[in-house]
Amino acid sequence: MKRYTIICRDQELSSLVAKNLHPKLQAIGMIHDLEQPELIITIGGDGTLLHAVHSFLDHLEDVAFIGLHTGTLGFFTDYTSEEIDEFVNDLQNEHRIVSTPLIHIECFNGGLRHDLYAMNEGRIENIIKTQTMDVYIDDEYLEKFRGNGLCVSAQIGSTAYNRSIDGAIIDSQIQALQLTEISGIHHKFFRSLKNPIILHPQTKISLRAESFEGAMLVYDHLNIDLHKTTRVDFTLGDKEVRFLRLRPVSYFSRLRNLF
């Protein structure tokens, strides 16, 4: 991987790291290429990497990502801002590529379909009124949910928003979809499963409603209004994010660093 570009958090430290990194990369023969990079280096935190993935959504098969951490959370990043020289040195050694699938989200509005992708999660949330949804698993009816919303996360997103709503953390060796409630209503008249559901990676989760008025679909750091939408399907899609791994960092080491 000779051609690279840097996507940097809008912050003084991140900008300084990027400025110092460019000449070191070029000294080992790498070429700064904004148009057709092979390696995307993110400098910041997990949010910076998410922005980078969505920026290259149409070219994911051609690029790999690696992150340097200067932000608040660095679950996806492998190096800190103090490890620039080590990072550059490791780039010259053997490496491996680790791929993770994105969530494919299909929004249906009559005869129209809108396709979206998320790395961490997609969630339907209504902060204006109680949202009622029928939940289908592989087109089989499961339950009627009432509450603020529902979150569908991939394995890699199980430690993100999903964790904050008491979803399960899924080991990195297990590919799965997880469905987690957001402030569900539970009393003697209305009751849903309440607990997170972990499903095999070929599952389709379908959330249907007579009205999504006032609800938003939030996918990673992005969102759209669900006005006039009647159904949203979630699957693990055909797109994958490729991460460049230069040194061993265990999943549980990353997990410990969250706390």
Protein backbone atom coordinates (compact mmCIF):
# COMPACT_ATOMS: atom_id res chain seq x y z
CA MET A 1 0.00 0.00 0.00
CA LYS A 2 1.90 2.99 -1.29
CA ARG A 3 -0.85 5.56 -1.84
CA TYR A 4 -2.38 7.10 1.27
CA THR A 5 -4.52 9.94 2.47
CA ILE A 6 -5.15 11.30 5.95
CA ILE A 7 -8.54 12.17 7.39
CA CYS A 8 -8.05 14.33 10.42
CA ARG A 9 -10.26 15.46 13.28
CA ASP A 10 -10.81 19.23 13.29
CA GLN A 11 -8.63 19.78 16.33
CA GLU A 12 -5.20 21.32 16.93
CA LEU A 13 -3.46 18.17 18.19
CA SER A 14 -4.80 16.03 15.33
CA SER A 15 -3.73 18.62 12.76
CA LEU A 16 -0.24 18.74 14.28
CA VAL A 17 0.05 14.95 14.19
CA ALA A 18 -0.99 14.95 10.52
CA LYS A 19 1.55 17.65 9.70
CA ASN A 20 4.34 15.65 11.35
CA LEU A 21 3.25 12.37 9.80
CA HIS A 22 3.29 13.38 6.11
CA PRO A 23 7.10 13.75 5.73
CA LYS A 24 7.75 10.55 7.68
CA LEU A 25 5.44 8.58 5.36
CA GLN A 26 6.96 10.08 2.24
CA ALA A 27 10.44 9.25 3.55
CA ILE A 28 9.56 5.53 3.36
CA GLY A 29 8.26 5.85 -0.19
CA MET A 30 4.56 6.43 0.39
CA ILE A 31 2.65 8.80 -1.89
CA HIS A 32 -0.01 11.23 -0.70
CA ASP A 33 -2.97 10.64 -3.04
CA LEU A 34 -6.30 12.34 -2.34
CA GLU A 35 -8.06 10.85 -5.37
CA GLN A 36 -7.17 7.14 -5.34
CA PRO A 37 -5.65 6.20 -1.98
CA GLU A 38 -5.10 2.61 -0.92
CA LEU A 39 -4.70 3.41 2.77
CA ILE A 40 -6.89 5.78 4.78
CA ILE A 41 -5.16 6.99 7.93
CA THR A 42 -7.54 8.60 10.42
CA ILE A 43 -6.25 10.89 13.14
CA GLY A 44 -8.73 11.54 15.93
CA GLY A 45 -11.09 9.09 17.56
CA ASP A 46 -13.75 6.59 16.61
CA GLY A 47 -15.96 9.36 15.22
CA THR A 48 -13.23 10.36 12.79
CA LEU A 49 -12.97 6.80 11.53
CA LEU A 50 -16.74 6.55 11.08
CA HIS A 51 -16.70 9.74 9.00
CA ALA A 52 -13.89 8.28 6.89
CA VAL A 53 -15.74 5.03 6.26
CA HIS A 54 -18.84 6.87 5.07
CA SER A 55 -16.72 9.16 2.89
CA PHE A 56 -15.31 6.13 1.03
CA LEU A 57 -18.49 4.05 1.05
CA ASP A 58 -18.40 3.54 -2.73
CA HIS A 59 -14.73 2.48 -2.72
CA LEU A 60 -14.46 0.19 0.31
CA GLU A 61 -13.11 -2.73 -1.72
CA ASP A 62 -10.14 -0.57 -2.80
CA VAL A 63 -9.05 0.91 0.54
CA ALA A 64 -8.04 -0.12 4.05
CA PHE A 65 -8.32 1.95 7.23
CA ILE A 66 -6.06 2.44 10.22
CA GLY A 67 -6.40 4.96 13.03
CA LEU A 68 -4.16 7.08 15.24
CA HIS A 69 -5.88 8.08 18.46
CA THR A 70 -6.08 11.71 19.60
CA GLY A 71 -9.79 11.78 20.42
CA THR A 72 -12.01 10.80 23.33
CA LEU A 73 -12.66 7.19 22.33
CA GLY A 74 -10.22 5.05 20.39
CA PHE A 75 -11.78 1.60 20.19
CA PHE A 76 -11.01 1.35 16.46
CA THR A 77 -7.58 2.97 16.59
CA ASP A 78 -4.31 1.03 16.95
CA TYR A 79 -1.79 3.78 17.76
CA THR A 80 -1.69 6.88 19.95
CA SER A 81 -0.42 10.28 18.86
CA GLU A 82 2.87 9.55 20.69
CA GLU A 83 3.51 6.45 18.58
CA ILE A 84 3.98 8.04 15.15
CA ASP A 85 7.50 6.68 14.66
CA GLU A 86 6.43 3.18 15.70
CA PHE A 87 3.47 3.39 13.31
CA VAL A 88 5.69 4.42 10.38
CA ASN A 89 8.17 1.68 11.19
CA ASP A 90 5.42 -0.95 11.40
CA LEU A 91 4.10 0.11 7.98
CA GLN A 92 7.28 -1.32 6.49
CA ASN A 93 6.73 -4.74 8.06
CA GLU A 94 4.25 -7.52 7.42
CA HIS A 95 0.60 -6.72 7.98
CA ARG A 96 -2.82 -8.30 7.76
CA ILE A 97 -6.25 -7.13 6.69
CA VAL A 98 -9.28 -7.69 8.93
CA SER A 99 -12.71 -7.16 7.38
CA THR A 100 -16.03 -6.46 9.06
CA PRO A 101 -19.42 -6.28 7.32
CA LEU A 102 -21.59 -3.19 7.33
CA ILE A 103 -25.27 -3.19 8.18
CA HIS A 104 -27.41 -2.75 5.07
CA ILE A 105 -30.51 -0.67 5.84
CA GLU A 106 -33.42 -0.57 3.41
CA CYS A 107 -36.16 2.03 3.93
CA PHE A 108 -39.43 1.41 2.08
CA ASN A 109 -41.87 4.17 1.17
CA GLY A 110 -44.59 2.74 -1.02
CA GLY A 111 -42.84 1.53 -4.16
CA LEU A 112 -39.63 3.42 -3.34
CA ARG A 113 -36.57 1.99 -1.59
CA HIS A 114 -33.71 3.92 0.00
CA ASP A 115 -30.46 2.03 0.72
CA LEU A 116 -28.14 3.06 3.56
CA TYR A 117 -25.17 1.51 5.35
CA ALA A 118 -23.89 1.64 8.93
CA MET A 119 -20.81 0.27 10.62
CA ASN A 120 -21.90 0.44 14.27
CA GLU A 121 -25.67 0.55 14.33
CA GLY A 122 -28.90 1.75 12.83
CA ARG A 123 -31.70 2.76 15.15
CA ILE A 124 -35.24 4.04 14.82
CA GLU A 125 -35.95 6.53 17.57
CA ASN A 126 -38.88 8.82 18.29
CA ILE A 127 -38.34 11.41 21.03
CA ILE A 128 -41.65 13.18 20.34
CA LYS A 129 -44.12 10.39 21.05
CA THR A 130 -44.35 6.68 21.76
CA GLN A 131 -43.31 4.74 18.68
CA THR A 132 -45.20 1.54 17.91
CA MET A 133 -43.47 -0.99 15.66
CA ASP A 134 -44.13 -4.55 14.58
CA VAL A 135 -40.94 -6.61 14.67
CA TYR A 136 -40.39 -9.34 12.09
CA ILE A 137 -37.45 -11.75 11.99
CA ASP A 138 -36.91 -13.21 8.51
CA ASP A 139 -40.48 -12.09 7.70
CA GLU A 140 -41.92 -13.99 10.68
CA TYR A 141 -43.83 -11.83 13.18
CA LEU A 142 -42.14 -11.63 16.59
CA GLU A 143 -43.74 -8.86 18.63
CA LYS A 144 -45.25 -5.40 18.83
CA PHE A 145 -42.90 -2.89 20.42
CA ARG A 146 -43.92 0.37 22.10
CA GLY A 147 -41.37 2.86 23.38
CA ASN A 148 -38.75 5.34 22.19
CA GLY A 149 -37.23 3.02 19.61
CA LEU A 150 -35.18 0.00 18.63
CA CYS A 151 -31.48 -0.33 17.84
CA VAL A 152 -29.92 -2.84 15.44
CA SER A 153 -26.16 -3.20 15.88
CA ALA A 154 -23.43 -5.28 14.29
CA GLN A 155 -20.75 -7.07 16.31
CA ILE A 156 -18.36 -4.14 15.94
CA GLY A 157 -21.08 -1.77 17.13
CA SER A 158 -22.02 -3.81 20.18
CA THR A 159 -19.63 -1.68 22.28
CA ALA A 160 -20.97 1.63 20.94
CA TYR A 161 -24.50 3.04 21.43
CA ASN A 162 -25.80 -0.49 21.99
CA ARG A 163 -23.74 -0.81 25.17
CA SER A 164 -25.19 2.43 26.56
CA ILE A 165 -28.73 0.98 26.34
CA ASP A 166 -27.70 -2.25 28.11
CA GLY A 167 -27.15 -4.32 25.00
CA ALA A 168 -24.76 -7.26 25.07
CA ILE A 169 -21.10 -6.96 24.08
CA ILE A 170 -20.36 -9.52 21.35
CA ASP A 171 -16.93 -11.10 20.97
CA SER A 172 -15.04 -10.11 17.82
CA GLN A 173 -14.96 -13.73 16.61
CA ILE A 174 -18.76 -13.83 16.38
CA GLN A 175 -20.58 -12.12 13.53
CA ALA A 176 -24.16 -11.32 14.50
CA LEU A 177 -26.95 -8.78 14.49
CA GLN A 178 -28.33 -7.54 17.79
CA LEU A 179 -31.74 -5.98 18.43
CA THR A 180 -31.96 -3.84 21.57
CA GLU A 181 -34.84 -1.79 22.94
CA ILE A 182 -34.59 1.94 23.61
CA SER A 183 -36.82 2.85 26.58
CA GLY A 184 -39.49 0.24 25.94
CA ILE A 185 -42.86 0.50 27.68
CA HIS A 186 -43.56 -2.48 29.94
CA HIS A 187 -46.66 -2.86 32.10
CA LYS A 188 -49.68 -5.16 32.33
CA PHE A 189 -51.20 -3.78 29.12
CA PHE A 190 -48.09 -3.49 26.92
CA ARG A 191 -45.11 -5.81 27.06
CA SER A 192 -42.33 -6.71 24.66
CA LEU A 193 -39.28 -8.95 25.10
CA LYS A 194 -37.27 -6.18 26.82
CA ASN A 195 -34.00 -8.13 26.60
CA PRO A 196 -31.56 -7.82 23.68
CA ILE A 197 -31.83 -10.47 20.97
CA ILE A 198 -28.65 -11.75 19.27
CA LEU A 199 -29.27 -13.22 15.84
CA HIS A 200 -27.19 -15.10 13.29
CA PRO A 201 -25.52 -12.98 10.58
CA GLN A 202 -27.89 -14.03 7.77
CA THR A 203 -30.95 -12.74 9.65
CA LYS A 204 -33.19 -10.00 8.31
CA ILE A 205 -34.75 -7.74 10.95
CA SER A 206 -37.79 -5.85 9.70
CA LEU A 207 -39.39 -2.99 11.64
CA ARG A 208 -42.82 -1.97 10.37
CA ALA A 209 -45.29 0.69 11.42
CA GLU A 210 -48.46 2.35 10.21
CA SER A 211 -46.69 5.63 10.92
CA PHE A 212 -43.12 6.66 11.67
CA GLU A 213 -44.23 10.29 12.02
CA GLY A 214 -41.71 12.11 14.23
CA ALA A 215 -39.22 9.23 14.13
CA MET A 216 -35.65 9.38 12.89
CA LEU A 217 -33.42 6.68 11.50
CA VAL A 218 -29.97 7.26 13.00
CA TYR A 219 -27.17 5.31 11.32
CA ASP A 220 -23.75 5.84 12.87
CA HIS A 221 -23.36 9.64 13.02
CA LEU A 222 -25.95 10.32 10.29
CA ASN A 223 -29.74 10.51 10.33
CA ILE A 224 -32.80 10.81 8.11
CA ASP A 225 -36.46 11.57 8.80
CA LEU A 226 -38.73 8.55 8.40
CA HIS A 227 -41.78 10.55 7.33
CA LYS A 228 -43.90 8.41 4.98
CA THR A 229 -41.70 5.34 5.56
CA THR A 230 -43.63 2.18 6.49
CA ARG A 231 -40.88 -0.42 6.78
CA VAL A 232 -37.15 -0.56 7.54
CA ASP A 233 -35.12 -3.75 6.99
CA PHE A 234 -31.70 -4.48 8.49
CA THR A 235 -29.26 -7.14 7.27
CA LEU A 236 -25.51 -7.63 7.30
CA GLY A 237 -24.80 -6.39 3.81
CA ASP A 238 -22.43 -7.01 0.95
CA LYS A 239 -20.14 -4.10 1.84
CA GLU A 240 -17.20 -4.64 4.18
CA VAL A 241 -14.75 -2.31 5.89
CA ARG A 242 -11.13 -3.43 5.68
CA PHE A 243 -8.85 -2.58 8.60
CA LEU A 244 -5.07 -2.68 8.30
CA ARG A 245 -3.55 -4.42 11.33
CA LEU A 246 0.17 -3.85 11.83
CA ARG A 247 0.53 -5.18 15.35
CA PRO A 248 -1.52 -7.47 17.59
CA VAL A 249 -4.07 -5.64 19.72
CA SER A 250 -6.49 -8.05 21.37
CA TYR A 251 -10.22 -7.42 21.42
CA PHE A 252 -10.23 -7.50 25.22
CA SER A 253 -7.40 -4.99 25.37
CA ARG A 254 -9.54 -2.65 23.27
CA LEU A 255 -12.48 -3.39 25.56
CA ARG A 256 -10.48 -2.58 28.71
CA ASN A 257 -9.50 0.75 27.21
CA LEU A 258 -13.18 1.77 27.05
CA PHE A 259 -13.35 2.02 30.83
